[in-house]
Protein backbone atom coordinates (compact mmCIF):
# COMPACT_ATOMS: atom_id res chain seq x y z
CA UNK A 1 69.38 119.21 162.68
CA UNK A 2 72.02 120.29 160.19
CA UNK A 3 71.74 124.10 159.98
CA UNK A 4 73.91 126.40 162.05
CA UNK A 5 72.26 129.10 164.11
CA UNK A 6 72.36 132.63 162.61
CA UNK A 7 75.51 134.71 162.70
CA UNK A 8 75.97 136.45 166.02
CA UNK A 9 78.36 139.00 167.50
CA UNK A 10 79.80 138.90 171.04
CA UNK A 11 78.16 140.99 173.74
CA UNK A 12 81.38 140.94 175.76
CA UNK A 13 85.06 140.77 174.76
CA UNK A 14 88.00 140.98 177.16
CA UNK A 15 91.71 140.36 177.39
CA UNK A 16 92.17 138.29 180.54
CA UNK A 17 95.58 138.35 182.24
CA UNK A 18 96.39 134.76 183.19
CA UNK A 19 100.12 135.11 183.89
CA UNK A 20 102.69 137.90 183.97
CA UNK A 21 103.29 137.15 180.28
CA UNK A 22 100.00 135.93 178.79
CA UNK A 23 96.66 137.60 178.06
CA UNK A 24 93.80 135.53 176.66
CA UNK A 25 91.23 136.85 174.22
CA UNK A 26 87.82 135.81 175.65
CA UNK A 27 84.35 136.54 174.25
CA UNK A 28 80.77 135.83 175.28
CA UNK A 29 77.79 135.43 172.96
CA UNK A 30 74.18 134.41 173.33
CA UNK A 31 72.07 134.84 176.45
CA UNK A 32 73.92 136.34 179.48
CA UNK A 33 71.44 134.50 181.73
CA UNK A 34 71.61 131.27 179.72
CA UNK A 35 73.26 127.91 180.31
CA UNK A 36 77.02 128.50 180.58
CA UNK A 37 79.11 126.49 178.12
CA UNK A 38 82.79 126.87 177.26
CA UNK A 39 84.05 126.23 173.73
CA UNK A 40 87.57 124.74 173.61
CA UNK A 41 89.26 124.98 170.22
CA UNK A 42 91.67 122.53 168.66
CA UNK A 43 95.35 122.64 167.91
CA UNK A 44 97.38 123.08 169.99
CA UNK A 45 97.74 126.42 168.28
CA UNK A 46 94.33 126.86 166.68
CA UNK A 47 91.64 129.33 167.71
CA UNK A 48 87.89 129.77 167.74
CA UNK A 49 86.13 131.26 164.72
CA UNK A 50 82.83 133.16 164.27
CA UNK A 51 81.47 129.92 162.77
CA UNK A 52 81.90 128.22 166.15
CA UNK A 53 79.47 130.59 167.86
CA UNK A 54 76.71 129.29 165.62
CA UNK A 55 76.75 125.74 167.00
CA UNK A 56 74.75 126.87 170.04
CA UNK A 57 71.19 128.13 170.49
CA UNK A 58 71.83 131.80 171.42
CA UNK A 59 68.52 132.04 173.27
CA UNK A 60 69.42 129.21 175.63
CA UNK A 61 73.19 129.26 176.01
CA UNK A 62 75.71 131.68 177.47
CA UNK A 63 78.57 130.76 175.16
CA UNK A 64 82.15 131.52 176.17
CA UNK A 65 84.87 131.21 173.55
CA UNK A 66 88.54 132.06 173.91
CA UNK A 67 91.94 131.70 172.27
CA UNK A 68 94.44 129.59 174.23
CA UNK A 69 97.90 130.87 175.16
CA UNK A 70 99.85 131.97 172.11
CA UNK A 71 96.86 131.37 169.82
CA UNK A 72 94.84 133.65 167.57
CA UNK A 73 94.23 137.04 169.16
CA UNK A 74 95.71 136.15 172.54
CA UNK A 75 98.93 137.93 173.49
CA UNK A 76 101.80 137.41 172.89
CA UNK A 77 100.87 135.47 169.75
CA UNK A 78 102.91 132.35 169.12
CA UNK A 79 104.68 132.53 172.46
CA UNK A 80 106.01 129.17 173.74
CA UNK A 81 107.19 130.40 177.14
CA UNK A 82 104.92 129.61 180.11
CA UNK A 83 102.88 127.50 177.71
CA UNK A 84 102.21 123.95 178.92
CA UNK A 85 99.14 121.77 179.30
CA UNK A 86 99.05 122.50 183.05
CA UNK A 87 99.02 126.22 182.23
CA UNK A 88 96.10 125.76 179.83
CA UNK A 89 94.08 123.84 182.39
CA UNK A 90 94.59 126.57 184.96
CA UNK A 91 93.56 129.17 182.36
CA UNK A 92 90.19 127.44 182.00
CA UNK A 93 89.70 127.65 185.75
CA UNK A 94 90.75 131.31 185.70
CA UNK A 95 88.06 132.02 183.10
CA UNK A 96 85.42 130.27 185.21
CA UNK A 97 86.37 132.27 188.29
CA UNK A 98 86.54 135.53 186.33
CA UNK A 99 82.92 135.13 185.27
CA UNK A 100 81.75 133.74 188.61
CA UNK A 101 80.30 130.58 187.07
CA UNK A 102 79.44 127.87 189.60
CA UNK A 103 79.20 124.98 187.12
CA UNK A 104 79.39 124.85 183.35
CA UNK A 105 79.26 122.57 180.33
CA UNK A 106 82.38 122.02 178.23
CA UNK A 107 82.50 121.55 174.47
CA UNK A 108 85.81 120.53 172.89
CA UNK A 109 86.99 119.22 169.55
CA UNK A 110 90.26 117.34 168.92
CA UNK A 111 92.88 119.01 171.18
CA UNK A 112 89.99 120.95 172.73
CA UNK A 113 88.54 117.58 173.80
CA UNK A 114 91.91 116.76 175.39
CA UNK A 115 91.76 119.92 177.47
CA UNK A 116 88.10 119.41 178.37
CA UNK A 117 88.86 115.93 179.71
CA UNK A 118 91.94 117.04 181.64
CA UNK A 119 90.13 120.02 183.16
CA UNK A 120 87.16 117.88 184.17
CA UNK A 121 89.49 115.36 185.80
CA UNK A 122 91.11 118.13 187.85
CA UNK A 123 87.95 120.13 188.60
CA UNK A 124 85.03 117.67 188.33
CA UNK A 125 82.87 119.60 190.80
CA UNK A 126 82.59 122.51 188.37
CA UNK A 127 81.61 120.46 185.30
CA UNK A 128 78.05 119.54 184.33
CA UNK A 129 78.79 117.68 181.11
CA UNK A 130 81.28 117.19 178.29
CA UNK A 131 80.53 117.18 174.58
CA UNK A 132 83.62 115.94 172.72
CA UNK A 133 84.14 115.83 168.96
CA UNK A 134 87.02 113.82 167.49
CA UNK A 135 88.53 113.22 170.92
CA UNK A 136 92.33 113.21 171.05
CA UNK A 137 93.85 111.35 174.03
CA UNK A 138 97.37 112.68 173.45
CA UNK A 139 99.10 109.37 174.16
CA UNK A 140 102.48 108.67 172.53
CA UNK A 141 100.74 106.25 170.14
CA UNK A 142 98.21 108.94 169.14
CA UNK A 143 100.99 111.38 168.30
CA UNK A 144 102.94 108.69 166.45
CA UNK A 145 99.85 107.69 164.45
CA UNK A 146 99.65 111.15 162.93
CA UNK A 147 103.28 112.21 162.61
CA UNK A 148 105.31 109.00 162.22
CA UNK A 149 105.20 106.44 159.38
CA UNK A 150 102.92 103.43 159.71
CA UNK A 151 99.78 105.28 160.77
CA UNK A 152 97.88 107.92 158.83
CA UNK A 153 100.74 107.83 156.33
CA UNK A 154 99.51 104.44 155.12
CA UNK A 155 96.05 105.85 154.40
CA UNK A 156 97.24 109.04 152.70
CA UNK A 157 100.64 108.26 151.14
CA UNK A 158 100.34 110.98 148.51
CA UNK A 159 99.98 113.64 151.23
CA UNK A 160 102.62 112.03 153.45
CA UNK A 161 105.31 112.12 150.78
CA UNK A 162 106.01 115.91 150.77
CA UNK A 163 105.75 116.04 154.58
CA UNK A 164 108.26 113.18 154.80
CA UNK A 165 110.64 114.39 152.10
CA UNK A 166 110.95 117.81 153.71
CA UNK A 167 113.06 116.10 156.39
CA UNK A 168 116.51 114.62 155.49
CA UNK A 169 116.70 110.83 155.58
CA UNK A 170 118.96 110.72 158.63
CA UNK A 171 116.38 112.63 160.75
CA UNK A 172 113.31 110.60 159.83
CA UNK A 173 113.31 108.42 162.94
CA UNK A 174 111.47 111.24 164.76
CA UNK A 175 109.54 113.65 162.56
CA UNK A 176 108.13 115.67 165.45
CA UNK A 177 111.62 116.42 166.73
CA UNK A 178 112.86 117.18 163.22
CA UNK A 179 110.07 119.68 162.60
CA UNK A 180 110.48 121.10 166.11
CA UNK A 181 114.12 121.87 165.33
CA UNK A 182 113.11 123.79 162.23
CA UNK A 183 110.12 125.56 163.73
CA UNK A 184 111.16 126.30 167.30
CA UNK A 185 114.94 126.03 167.50
CA UNK A 186 115.99 127.52 164.17
CA UNK A 187 115.93 131.31 163.99
CA UNK A 188 115.93 131.33 160.19
CA UNK A 189 112.53 132.69 159.02
CA UNK A 190 112.72 130.88 155.68
CA UNK A 191 113.42 127.55 157.38
CA UNK A 192 110.52 128.15 159.78
CA UNK A 193 108.06 129.12 157.06
CA UNK A 194 108.93 126.18 154.81
CA UNK A 195 108.52 123.71 157.67
CA UNK A 196 105.25 125.29 158.79
CA UNK A 197 103.77 124.93 155.31
CA UNK A 198 104.58 121.22 155.11
CA UNK A 199 103.47 120.50 158.68
CA UNK A 200 100.14 122.29 158.32
CA UNK A 201 99.43 121.02 154.82
CA UNK A 202 99.74 117.41 156.00
CA UNK A 203 97.16 117.98 158.73
CA UNK A 204 94.72 120.08 156.73
CA UNK A 205 94.51 117.51 153.97
CA UNK A 206 93.61 114.79 156.48
CA UNK A 207 90.81 116.76 158.14
CA UNK A 208 87.98 115.74 155.80
CA UNK A 209 86.90 112.36 154.52
CA UNK A 210 87.08 113.78 150.99
CA UNK A 211 90.22 115.95 151.02
CA UNK A 212 89.64 119.56 150.08
CA UNK A 213 91.80 121.21 147.48
CA UNK A 214 91.94 124.52 149.36
CA UNK A 215 95.44 125.83 149.85
CA UNK A 216 96.34 126.10 153.54
CA UNK A 217 97.54 129.66 152.84
CA UNK A 218 93.94 130.60 152.06
CA UNK A 219 92.81 129.38 155.51
CA UNK A 220 95.35 131.15 157.72
CA UNK A 221 97.62 134.16 157.48
CA UNK A 222 101.31 133.16 157.16
CA UNK A 223 102.17 134.21 160.73
CA UNK A 224 99.18 132.40 162.20
CA UNK A 225 100.09 129.31 160.19
CA UNK A 226 103.61 129.49 161.62
CA UNK A 227 102.28 129.96 165.15
CA UNK A 228 100.03 126.91 164.76
CA UNK A 229 102.88 124.68 163.58
CA UNK A 230 105.27 125.95 166.28
CA UNK A 231 102.77 125.41 169.08
CA UNK A 232 101.86 121.93 167.89
CA UNK A 233 105.46 120.76 167.70
CA UNK A 234 106.19 122.44 171.05
CA UNK A 235 103.42 120.41 172.68
CA UNK A 236 103.94 117.14 170.87
CA UNK A 237 107.73 116.98 171.22
CA UNK A 238 106.97 117.12 174.97
CA UNK A 239 104.23 114.44 174.67
CA UNK A 240 101.56 116.98 175.56
CA UNK A 241 103.39 117.64 178.85
CA UNK A 242 101.68 114.49 180.18
CA UNK A 243 103.09 111.40 181.85
CA UNK A 244 101.57 108.15 183.13
CA UNK A 245 100.24 109.93 186.23
CA UNK A 246 98.53 112.73 184.34
CA UNK A 247 97.44 110.76 181.26
CA UNK A 248 93.71 110.86 180.53
CA UNK A 249 93.25 107.09 180.79
CA UNK A 250 95.11 106.75 184.09
CA UNK A 251 92.65 104.82 186.32
CA UNK A 252 92.75 107.43 189.07
CA UNK A 253 92.02 110.20 186.57
CA UNK A 254 89.20 108.21 184.94
CA UNK A 255 87.51 107.77 188.33
CA UNK A 256 87.16 111.55 188.62
CA UNK A 257 84.84 111.69 185.60
CA UNK A 258 83.47 108.14 185.62
CA UNK A 259 79.87 109.20 186.21
CA UNK A 260 79.92 112.54 184.40
CA UNK A 261 77.58 112.84 181.40
CA UNK A 262 79.93 112.69 178.42
CA UNK A 263 78.95 112.58 174.75
CA UNK A 264 81.59 111.47 172.24
CA UNK A 265 81.03 112.27 168.56
CA UNK A 266 83.54 110.71 166.18
CA UNK A 267 83.82 110.22 162.44
CA UNK A 268 84.17 106.59 161.41
CA UNK A 269 87.07 107.47 159.09
CA UNK A 270 88.82 110.12 161.21
CA UNK A 271 92.46 109.95 160.07
CA UNK A 272 93.73 112.48 162.63
CA UNK A 273 92.22 111.14 165.86
CA UNK A 274 91.56 107.43 165.70
CA UNK A 275 88.11 106.12 166.54
CA UNK A 276 89.75 103.40 168.65
CA UNK A 277 90.80 106.05 171.18
CA UNK A 278 87.25 107.37 171.56
CA UNK A 279 85.95 103.81 171.84
CA UNK A 280 88.45 102.95 174.58
CA UNK A 281 87.49 106.10 176.48
CA UNK A 282 83.80 105.27 176.10
CA UNK A 283 84.38 101.79 177.50
CA UNK A 284 85.90 103.25 180.65
CA UNK A 285 83.23 105.92 181.28
CA UNK A 286 79.98 104.49 182.62
CA UNK A 287 77.74 107.43 181.68
CA UNK A 288 79.28 108.22 178.31
CA UNK A 289 77.55 107.99 174.94
CA UNK A 290 79.47 107.36 171.73
CA UNK A 291 78.02 108.47 168.39
CA UNK A 292 80.01 107.03 165.50
CA UNK A 293 79.25 109.13 162.43
CA UNK A 294 79.35 107.07 159.25
CA UNK A 295 80.87 108.59 156.14
CA UNK A 296 82.77 111.26 158.08
CA UNK A 297 86.35 112.22 158.87
CA UNK A 298 87.68 114.58 161.53
CA UNK A 299 86.42 118.08 160.78
CA UNK A 300 83.42 119.57 162.55
CA UNK A 301 81.93 120.79 159.28
CA UNK A 302 81.56 117.25 157.92
CA UNK A 303 77.77 117.10 157.37
CA UNK A 304 77.14 114.06 159.57
CA UNK A 305 79.29 115.36 162.40
CA UNK A 306 77.73 118.81 162.26
CA UNK A 307 74.24 117.33 162.38
CA UNK A 308 75.11 115.20 165.41
CA UNK A 309 76.77 118.12 167.19
CA UNK A 310 73.72 120.32 166.74
CA UNK A 311 71.37 117.55 167.84
CA UNK A 312 73.45 116.84 170.95
CA UNK A 313 73.76 120.49 171.93
CA UNK A 314 70.06 121.10 171.34
CA UNK A 315 69.23 118.18 173.65
CA UNK A 316 71.66 119.57 176.23
CA UNK A 317 69.77 122.85 176.30
CA UNK A 318 66.52 121.03 177.02
CA UNK A 319 67.78 119.20 180.11
């Protein structure tokens, strides 16, 4: 399989109050009586897109998509207050309870895979399976791989250079902190915008095996681009709000999902989320399956990754 399902519109859209401050945009598409599956978008700071609805057979699935706190159409957009990983996990549970779903499947890509794993570890009794694309484990070494020298920078030095040179030499020991200061501490709009462009451009150019020439400004509106960069630095300067007790690979946490059906789909040449992380996770999960997609990077629209996603989700609907 390599063709997306036809375009489809939601049959239900709500703004769900999850805290005194935050409302989440949530939509449902497909079959209201179908197999419930939650789509978890990447980031932190991204959002779901109409394209994402088309990964699932609308006759068989009840597909729930939403925008995480501060993301996309959720309110208030770009807000960092009351916005931690623990908050996002509880939001997933709030969505499940709101719709009265007993058990559901979770689909997550990149940061969405992080949240899917953390939610399943906290609420395993409500999870039927996980489908994870480009899994991100959010360990200090995973963050350093992407944002510090000596990781992805060695593979893509021409893209790293402008990201690096945007930060003065004396601040280059910690790029995440340096960008956080410009994006989240500074109140100068020009400083924020300039930092957001460099931060996002570095990531976007690493997403595909063959880098696309599309300007990041063509992908996101300027304010949404800024919100994405601010939320990412907010999360990563705090190490994903995780410690050794809450980390995904903590042995006690792994035991919670050890026998859960988990499918990992990962591009061989993913420069954003290393294949070694997905392999280590696979080794620790007895019922997991790892599909390494040759000739693919990180993005879900890489042909090989898309084909494997559709095949996996189609098989899920038949079980």
